[in-house]
Amino acid sequence: MTPLSLILSDTDDDSADINIKSKKMIKDFLVIDCTGKNNFIALKNDNKFFIKKLQTNLIKNEILVLEIANFIKKYNIDLNSDFSIFVNSGPGSFSGIRISLSVAKGIKLVKKTNIYSYNSFLLNAAPYLHEKKKIISIQKTNHFYYYSTVTFKLYYHFTYPSKIDLNKLQKEDFVFVVPDTIKNDEIIKNINFEKIRIAEFNPKNIDLLIENKLVENKLIKPLYLS
């Protein structure tokens, strides 16, 4: 088994955990996404973004630790208390998400980093937040289609995902954000084409979530949808 110590050097002091209160303080971060669709790890450091895709069928705790260790070594980065960690909470592989959270918590424990979560509904909707329109962000699980509603008044509000009912939703004036992987599904073809926005895989959208204060650092847990 690969030890977590490969990532956790002993160069940091024992200062107390930093409570990030301002989005402006989140500059450098590690991203872990093992939801099973586009598994990847990413680093943002000094305004440079590095991404490494992971093989879906290889995600185990020790493999993820090794991948992160090699990744940060490649770019000569030391994970310290100035870094934050972002974990995709779902939907997707329940075991993959739990492994991601476990590794992130291990790093936090030693390096005094902050952990935040986001989800795929948010990540896909991020490029369209500037439109200040009501958004329906759609995701497909193994069995069902789910949606989360985004509304904007003084700030953005996302609803907890629900199973989709297009007959009800199409009566509203929403923009529908649809993953590229399901754009040709029959249920999507029933949506007014002019209302559809195609979401392409782009981890850099996390910056937009930070900018709009849409990342969570409390009660972080897997978003499990059947």
Protein backbone atom coordinates (compact mmCIF):
# COMPACT_ATOMS: atom_id res chain seq x y z
CA MET A 1 0.00 0.00 0.00
CA THR A 2 1.27 3.48 -0.86
CA PRO A 3 1.62 5.60 2.27
CA LEU A 4 0.02 9.03 2.47
CA SER A 5 3.39 10.30 3.66
CA LEU A 6 4.51 10.36 0.02
CA ILE A 7 2.40 13.49 -0.31
CA LEU A 8 2.94 14.84 3.19
CA SER A 9 6.46 16.16 3.68
CA ASP A 10 7.47 17.35 7.14
CA THR A 11 8.59 20.83 6.16
CA ASP A 12 5.49 22.66 7.49
CA ASP A 13 5.14 24.03 11.00
CA ASP A 14 2.39 23.07 13.40
CA SER A 15 0.36 26.25 13.01
CA ALA A 16 -3.39 26.09 13.53
CA ASP A 17 -5.77 25.38 10.69
CA ILE A 18 -6.63 28.47 8.65
CA ASN A 19 -10.30 29.29 8.27
CA ILE A 20 -10.72 30.78 4.80
CA LYS A 21 -13.48 33.37 4.88
CA SER A 22 -12.82 35.22 1.64
CA LYS A 23 -12.95 33.84 -1.86
CA LYS A 24 -9.92 36.03 -2.66
CA MET A 25 -7.78 33.85 -0.41
CA ILE A 26 -8.42 30.70 -2.45
CA LYS A 27 -5.67 30.95 -5.03
CA ASP A 28 -3.77 27.67 -5.14
CA PHE A 29 -5.56 24.37 -4.92
CA LEU A 30 -5.64 20.65 -5.62
CA VAL A 31 -8.72 19.12 -7.25
CA ILE A 32 -9.73 15.47 -6.83
CA ASP A 33 -12.53 14.02 -8.96
CA CYS A 34 -13.12 10.27 -8.81
CA THR A 35 -16.83 10.26 -9.64
CA GLY A 36 -16.23 7.66 -12.36
CA LYS A 37 -17.04 9.76 -15.43
CA ASN A 38 -14.03 11.97 -16.07
CA ASN A 39 -11.74 10.99 -13.23
CA PHE A 40 -8.89 13.47 -12.84
CA ILE A 41 -6.67 15.37 -10.47
CA ALA A 42 -5.67 18.96 -11.08
CA LEU A 43 -3.47 21.64 -9.60
CA LYS A 44 -3.68 25.39 -9.74
CA ASN A 45 -0.50 27.13 -8.63
CA ASP A 46 0.65 30.68 -9.42
CA ASN A 47 -2.25 31.03 -11.89
CA LYS A 48 -1.10 27.95 -13.81
CA PHE A 49 -3.50 25.03 -14.19
CA PHE A 50 -2.32 21.43 -14.58
CA ILE A 51 -4.67 18.50 -15.22
CA LYS A 52 -4.06 14.76 -15.20
CA LYS A 53 -6.80 12.35 -16.23
CA LEU A 54 -7.03 9.09 -14.32
CA GLN A 55 -8.07 5.65 -15.50
CA THR A 56 -11.52 5.01 -14.08
CA ASN A 57 -10.95 1.35 -13.21
CA LEU A 58 -7.74 2.01 -11.28
CA ILE A 59 -9.10 4.20 -8.50
CA LYS A 60 -8.20 2.77 -5.12
CA ASN A 61 -6.97 4.63 -2.07
CA GLU A 62 -3.32 3.70 -2.52
CA ILE A 63 -3.40 4.34 -6.28
CA LEU A 64 -4.94 7.78 -5.82
CA VAL A 65 -2.30 8.69 -3.24
CA LEU A 66 0.46 7.60 -5.60
CA GLU A 67 -1.06 9.54 -8.51
CA ILE A 68 -1.23 12.73 -6.41
CA ALA A 69 2.30 12.24 -5.08
CA ASN A 70 3.74 11.84 -8.57
CA PHE A 71 1.67 14.74 -9.89
CA ILE A 72 2.81 17.30 -7.32
CA LYS A 73 6.39 16.05 -7.60
CA LYS A 74 6.31 16.56 -11.38
CA TYR A 75 5.48 20.24 -10.94
CA ASN A 76 7.66 20.69 -7.83
CA ILE A 77 4.76 21.75 -5.63
CA ASP A 78 4.60 21.48 -1.86
CA LEU A 79 1.07 21.10 -0.49
CA ASN A 80 0.97 23.41 2.50
CA SER A 81 -1.56 25.44 4.48
CA ASP A 82 -1.79 27.97 1.63
CA PHE A 83 -3.38 25.28 -0.55
CA SER A 84 -7.03 24.27 -0.62
CA ILE A 85 -8.41 20.92 -1.74
CA PHE A 86 -11.55 20.61 -3.86
CA VAL A 87 -13.40 17.30 -4.06
CA ASN A 88 -16.24 16.49 -6.46
CA SER A 89 -19.02 15.15 -4.22
CA GLY A 90 -21.00 13.64 -7.10
CA PRO A 91 -23.10 12.28 -8.51
CA GLY A 92 -21.13 9.22 -9.50
CA SER A 93 -19.17 6.37 -8.00
CA PHE A 94 -19.94 6.27 -4.29
CA SER A 95 -16.72 4.40 -3.49
CA GLY A 96 -14.64 6.74 -5.68
CA ILE A 97 -16.04 9.81 -3.94
CA ARG A 98 -15.44 8.30 -0.49
CA ILE A 99 -11.84 7.53 -1.44
CA SER A 100 -11.38 11.12 -2.66
CA LEU A 101 -12.71 12.51 0.62
CA SER A 102 -10.60 10.11 2.66
CA VAL A 103 -7.38 11.13 0.89
CA ALA A 104 -8.30 14.84 1.10
CA LYS A 105 -8.96 14.55 4.85
CA GLY A 106 -5.61 12.80 5.31
CA ILE A 107 -3.82 15.69 3.61
CA LYS A 108 -5.81 18.24 5.63
CA LEU A 109 -4.90 16.54 8.89
CA VAL A 110 -1.16 16.91 8.33
CA LYS A 111 -0.83 19.90 6.02
CA LYS A 112 -3.55 22.13 7.55
CA THR A 113 -5.20 22.66 4.18
CA ASN A 114 -8.86 23.60 3.74
CA ILE A 115 -11.26 21.16 2.07
CA TYR A 116 -14.11 22.30 -0.15
CA SER A 117 -16.60 20.36 -2.24
CA TYR A 118 -18.46 21.04 -5.44
CA ASN A 119 -20.66 18.82 -7.61
CA SER A 120 -21.08 18.14 -11.31
CA PHE A 121 -24.35 20.08 -11.49
CA LEU A 122 -22.51 23.20 -10.31
CA LEU A 123 -19.39 22.65 -12.40
CA ASN A 124 -21.36 22.33 -15.64
CA ALA A 125 -23.53 25.36 -14.92
CA ALA A 126 -20.58 27.60 -13.97
CA PRO A 127 -19.87 29.05 -17.47
CA TYR A 128 -23.47 30.24 -17.77
CA LEU A 129 -23.86 31.93 -14.40
CA HIS A 130 -22.99 35.30 -15.92
CA GLU A 131 -26.26 35.19 -17.88
CA LYS A 132 -28.11 35.76 -14.58
CA LYS A 133 -30.90 33.46 -15.79
CA LYS A 134 -32.67 30.55 -14.17
CA ILE A 135 -30.69 27.42 -14.95
CA ILE A 136 -31.57 23.74 -14.96
CA SER A 137 -28.39 21.67 -14.73
CA ILE A 138 -28.94 18.03 -15.74
CA GLN A 139 -26.98 14.89 -14.87
CA LYS A 140 -27.60 11.26 -15.75
CA THR A 141 -26.92 8.45 -13.29
CA ASN A 142 -27.05 4.73 -14.08
CA HIS A 143 -30.83 4.69 -14.01
CA PHE A 144 -32.31 8.19 -13.98
CA TYR A 145 -31.93 11.81 -15.05
CA TYR A 146 -31.64 14.40 -12.30
CA TYR A 147 -31.65 18.17 -12.29
CA SER A 148 -30.66 21.00 -9.99
CA THR A 149 -32.22 24.44 -10.32
CA VAL A 150 -30.13 27.59 -10.18
CA THR A 151 -31.77 30.91 -9.41
CA PHE A 152 -30.20 34.32 -8.91
CA LYS A 153 -31.36 37.25 -6.80
CA LEU A 154 -28.71 38.79 -4.61
CA TYR A 155 -26.73 35.56 -4.87
CA TYR A 156 -26.99 32.16 -6.53
CA HIS A 157 -29.09 29.42 -5.03
CA PHE A 158 -28.92 25.75 -6.07
CA THR A 159 -31.59 23.25 -5.17
CA TYR A 160 -30.87 19.68 -4.10
CA PRO A 161 -31.09 17.39 -7.19
CA SER A 162 -34.45 15.83 -8.07
CA LYS A 163 -35.56 13.35 -10.72
CA ILE A 164 -36.40 15.21 -13.88
CA ASP A 165 -39.93 15.93 -15.06
CA LEU A 166 -39.59 17.69 -18.41
CA ASN A 167 -43.32 18.25 -18.83
CA LYS A 168 -43.24 20.46 -15.75
CA LEU A 169 -39.87 22.11 -16.33
CA GLN A 170 -40.40 23.13 -19.96
CA LYS A 171 -43.27 25.37 -18.90
CA GLU A 172 -40.75 27.57 -17.10
CA ASP A 173 -38.31 30.04 -18.64
CA PHE A 174 -35.10 28.13 -17.88
CA VAL A 175 -31.76 27.59 -19.58
CA PHE A 176 -30.98 23.84 -19.67
CA VAL A 177 -27.34 22.89 -19.14
CA VAL A 178 -26.73 19.41 -20.57
CA PRO A 179 -23.51 17.33 -20.45
CA ASP A 180 -22.01 16.70 -23.86
CA THR A 181 -22.21 12.94 -23.21
CA ILE A 182 -26.03 12.91 -23.11
CA LYS A 183 -26.91 15.64 -25.60
CA ASN A 184 -28.27 13.07 -28.07
CA ASP A 185 -30.39 11.16 -25.55
CA GLU A 186 -34.08 11.01 -26.40
CA ILE A 187 -35.17 12.91 -23.31
CA ILE A 188 -32.83 15.80 -24.20
CA LYS A 189 -34.18 15.96 -27.75
CA ASN A 190 -37.55 16.88 -26.27
CA ILE A 191 -36.15 20.14 -24.89
CA ASN A 192 -36.45 23.33 -26.93
CA PHE A 193 -33.09 23.56 -28.72
CA GLU A 194 -32.81 27.30 -28.11
CA LYS A 195 -32.88 26.72 -24.36
CA ILE A 196 -30.04 24.18 -24.34
CA ARG A 197 -26.42 24.90 -23.38
CA ILE A 198 -23.94 22.06 -23.87
CA ALA A 199 -21.54 21.57 -20.96
CA GLU A 200 -18.09 20.33 -21.90
CA PHE A 201 -15.63 18.83 -19.43
CA ASN A 202 -13.56 21.69 -18.00
CA PRO A 203 -12.08 21.53 -14.48
CA LYS A 204 -11.07 25.19 -14.78
CA ASN A 205 -14.72 26.06 -14.16
CA ILE A 206 -13.94 25.60 -10.47
CA ASP A 207 -12.50 29.12 -10.55
CA LEU A 208 -15.97 30.39 -11.51
CA LEU A 209 -17.53 28.53 -8.57
CA ILE A 210 -15.01 30.12 -6.22
CA GLU A 211 -15.69 33.54 -7.71
CA ASN A 212 -19.43 33.10 -7.12
CA LYS A 213 -19.01 31.57 -3.65
CA LEU A 214 -20.53 28.26 -4.69
CA VAL A 215 -18.12 25.86 -3.01
CA GLU A 216 -18.99 24.13 0.26
CA ASN A 217 -16.70 23.69 3.27
CA LYS A 218 -19.26 22.45 5.78
CA LEU A 219 -20.97 19.07 6.05
CA ILE A 220 -19.02 17.71 3.07
CA LYS A 221 -20.39 14.31 2.09
CA PRO A 222 -20.99 12.25 -1.07
CA LEU A 223 -23.92 13.26 -3.26
CA TYR A 224 -25.39 9.83 -3.89
CA LEU A 225 -28.13 9.54 -6.51
CA SER A 226 -29.38 6.13 -7.68
